Amino acid sequence: MIMQLIAAMAGTIAFSVLFSVPRKYYIYCGLIGGAGWGIYSLLQGASSPAIASMFATMVVIFLSRFAAVWQRCPVTIFLISGIFPLVPGAGVYWTAYYIVTDQLRLAVQTGYQAVKCAVAIVLGIVFIFELPQKMFLSILKKISPGKM
C-alpha cells in the first residue's frame, strides 16, 4: 500500500508538471492525490469501485478546496491534479479493447463499471462543491488564526 501511495503522489505531481501548476503547489497536489488514492484503496475491498471512487473524490475535493483557501489560489490547481489517480482510464481502455476484439460481453461489463466510476467521481465533486466557502474559511481560522 505504501508503494501505491508513493506512486499516486508521484503521478499526481507529474500530472501537475504537465499542466503547468506552479512549483510551490507540487507537494500539496501530491499529498491530495495520495490521500485520494489511499481512501480509494481502503474502501475498494469493503465496497464497490464506484462507491470507493465517490468517497475518495469527496476527500480529494474537500482537501483541494481547503488548500485553495489556505494558499489563496484557484481550486482547480489542486482538483485537476488530485483527481488524476481516480480516473477510470484502465476501464475505458479495456472496454475499447474488448470492442475491437469482438468480446462484447466483456466490453459491456468493463464499460458499465467505468461509467459507474465516472458518475461517482462527478457526484463526489458536486457534493463537496455544494459546501459553502465560508466553512473552509472558518476551518482555516480555527487551525491557523494568524493566516486569515
Protein backbone atom coordinates (compact mmCIF):
# COMPACT_ATOMS: atom_id res chain seq x y z
CA MET A 1 0.00 0.00 0.00
CA ILE A 2 2.87 2.39 0.76
CA MET A 3 4.29 1.91 -2.74
CA GLN A 4 0.86 2.60 -4.24
CA LEU A 5 0.57 5.84 -2.26
CA ILE A 6 4.04 6.93 -3.36
CA ALA A 7 3.18 6.08 -6.98
CA ALA A 8 -0.11 8.03 -6.72
CA MET A 9 1.72 11.02 -5.27
CA ALA A 10 4.41 10.87 -7.96
CA GLY A 11 1.81 10.51 -10.71
CA THR A 12 -0.14 13.44 -9.35
CA ILE A 13 2.97 15.62 -9.21
CA ALA A 14 3.90 14.56 -12.76
CA PHE A 15 0.40 15.49 -13.90
CA SER A 16 0.84 18.84 -12.14
CA VAL A 17 4.05 19.46 -14.09
CA LEU A 18 2.30 18.51 -17.33
CA PHE A 19 -0.44 21.07 -16.68
CA SER A 20 1.94 23.85 -15.63
CA VAL A 21 0.92 24.05 -11.99
CA PRO A 22 3.26 26.47 -10.18
CA ARG A 23 6.13 24.62 -8.46
CA LYS A 24 5.21 25.75 -4.97
CA TYR A 25 1.99 23.72 -5.19
CA TYR A 26 3.52 20.39 -6.28
CA ILE A 27 3.74 18.92 -2.78
CA TYR A 28 0.14 19.86 -1.99
CA CYS A 29 -1.06 18.30 -5.25
CA GLY A 30 0.91 15.14 -4.48
CA LEU A 31 -0.45 14.87 -0.96
CA ILE A 32 -4.02 15.41 -2.14
CA GLY A 33 -3.70 12.82 -4.91
CA GLY A 34 -2.08 10.37 -2.48
CA ALA A 35 -4.83 10.91 0.08
CA GLY A 36 -7.49 10.23 -2.56
CA TRP A 37 -5.79 7.04 -3.67
CA GLY A 38 -5.35 5.93 -0.07
CA ILE A 39 -9.06 6.33 0.63
CA TYR A 40 -9.91 4.54 -2.61
CA SER A 41 -7.60 1.64 -1.74
CA LEU A 42 -9.03 1.30 1.76
CA LEU A 43 -12.65 1.36 0.59
CA GLN A 44 -12.25 -0.75 -2.53
CA GLY A 45 -12.08 -4.01 -0.58
CA ALA A 46 -15.15 -3.16 1.51
CA SER A 47 -17.39 -1.76 -1.22
CA SER A 48 -17.75 -1.43 -4.98
CA PRO A 49 -15.18 0.54 -7.01
CA ALA A 50 -17.83 3.19 -7.75
CA ILE A 51 -18.54 3.81 -4.06
CA ALA A 52 -14.82 3.87 -3.30
CA SER A 53 -14.32 6.36 -6.15
CA MET A 54 -17.06 8.64 -4.88
CA PHE A 55 -15.75 8.82 -1.32
CA ALA A 56 -12.15 9.19 -2.48
CA THR A 57 -13.23 12.01 -4.79
CA MET A 58 -15.02 13.71 -1.93
CA VAL A 59 -11.79 13.64 0.09
CA VAL A 60 -9.79 14.98 -2.86
CA ILE A 61 -12.22 17.83 -3.49
CA PHE A 62 -12.51 18.70 0.21
CA LEU A 63 -8.72 18.84 0.54
CA SER A 64 -8.46 20.78 -2.74
CA ARG A 65 -10.92 23.40 -1.57
CA PHE A 66 -9.16 23.67 1.78
CA ALA A 67 -5.74 24.00 0.12
CA ALA A 68 -7.11 26.64 -2.27
CA VAL A 69 -8.37 28.74 0.63
CA TRP A 70 -5.16 28.20 2.59
CA GLN A 71 -2.88 29.05 -0.33
CA ARG A 72 -5.23 31.71 -1.76
CA CYS A 73 -5.30 30.28 -5.26
CA PRO A 74 -7.86 28.65 -7.59
CA VAL A 75 -9.19 25.27 -6.51
CA THR A 76 -8.66 23.81 -9.98
CA ILE A 77 -4.89 23.76 -9.36
CA PHE A 78 -5.38 21.01 -6.78
CA LEU A 79 -8.60 19.47 -8.11
CA ILE A 80 -7.44 18.55 -11.62
CA SER A 81 -4.15 17.11 -10.42
CA GLY A 82 -5.59 15.37 -7.35
CA ILE A 83 -8.34 13.58 -9.22
CA PHE A 84 -5.87 12.04 -11.69
CA PRO A 85 -5.26 8.73 -9.80
CA LEU A 86 -9.01 8.08 -9.53
CA VAL A 87 -9.95 8.43 -13.21
CA PRO A 88 -11.04 5.03 -14.61
CA GLY A 89 -8.67 5.08 -17.57
CA ALA A 90 -7.97 1.35 -17.48
CA GLY A 91 -11.68 0.59 -17.62
CA VAL A 92 -12.09 2.74 -20.72
CA TYR A 93 -9.03 1.13 -22.31
CA TRP A 94 -10.25 -2.41 -21.69
CA THR A 95 -13.72 -1.52 -22.93
CA ALA A 96 -12.27 -0.32 -26.23
CA TYR A 97 -10.00 -3.36 -26.40
CA TYR A 98 -12.88 -5.77 -25.87
CA ILE A 99 -14.95 -3.99 -28.53
CA VAL A 100 -12.11 -4.22 -31.06
CA THR A 101 -11.51 -7.90 -30.27
CA ASP A 102 -15.24 -8.64 -30.56
CA GLN A 103 -15.68 -9.64 -26.92
CA LEU A 104 -18.85 -7.63 -26.46
CA ARG A 105 -19.91 -9.22 -23.19
CA LEU A 106 -16.65 -8.17 -21.50
CA ALA A 107 -16.88 -4.76 -23.21
CA VAL A 108 -20.29 -4.13 -21.68
CA GLN A 109 -19.15 -5.25 -18.22
CA THR A 110 -15.99 -3.13 -18.14
CA GLY A 111 -17.69 -0.18 -19.84
CA TYR A 112 -20.53 -0.20 -17.36
CA GLN A 113 -18.08 -0.29 -14.45
CA ALA A 114 -16.07 2.61 -15.93
CA VAL A 115 -19.21 4.69 -16.42
CA LYS A 116 -20.32 4.00 -12.85
CA CYS A 117 -16.92 5.18 -11.56
CA ALA A 118 -17.05 8.30 -13.74
CA VAL A 119 -20.53 9.17 -12.48
CA ALA A 120 -19.39 8.54 -8.90
CA ILE A 121 -16.49 10.96 -9.41
CA VAL A 122 -18.88 13.62 -10.73
CA LEU A 123 -21.23 13.13 -7.77
CA GLY A 124 -18.32 13.40 -5.32
CA ILE A 125 -17.26 16.68 -6.92
CA VAL A 126 -20.80 18.07 -6.85
CA PHE A 127 -21.42 17.10 -3.22
CA ILE A 128 -18.32 18.86 -1.92
CA PHE A 129 -18.68 21.92 -4.16
CA GLU A 130 -22.09 22.46 -2.61
CA LEU A 131 -20.43 23.17 0.75
CA PRO A 132 -20.21 26.92 1.41
CA GLN A 133 -16.85 28.67 1.04
CA LYS A 134 -17.28 30.20 4.50
CA MET A 135 -16.97 26.73 6.01
CA PHE A 136 -13.45 26.35 4.64
CA LEU A 137 -12.54 29.85 5.82
CA SER A 138 -13.77 29.10 9.34
CA ILE A 139 -11.85 25.80 9.45
CA LEU A 140 -8.71 27.62 8.39
CA LYS A 141 -9.25 30.31 11.04
CA LYS A 142 -9.59 27.64 13.74
CA ILE A 143 -6.48 25.79 12.61
CA SER A 144 -4.30 28.81 11.88
CA PRO A 145 -5.64 32.03 13.46
CA GLY A 146 -2.82 34.17 12.07
CA LYS A 147 -3.25 33.01 8.47
CA MET A 148 -6.54 34.82 7.77
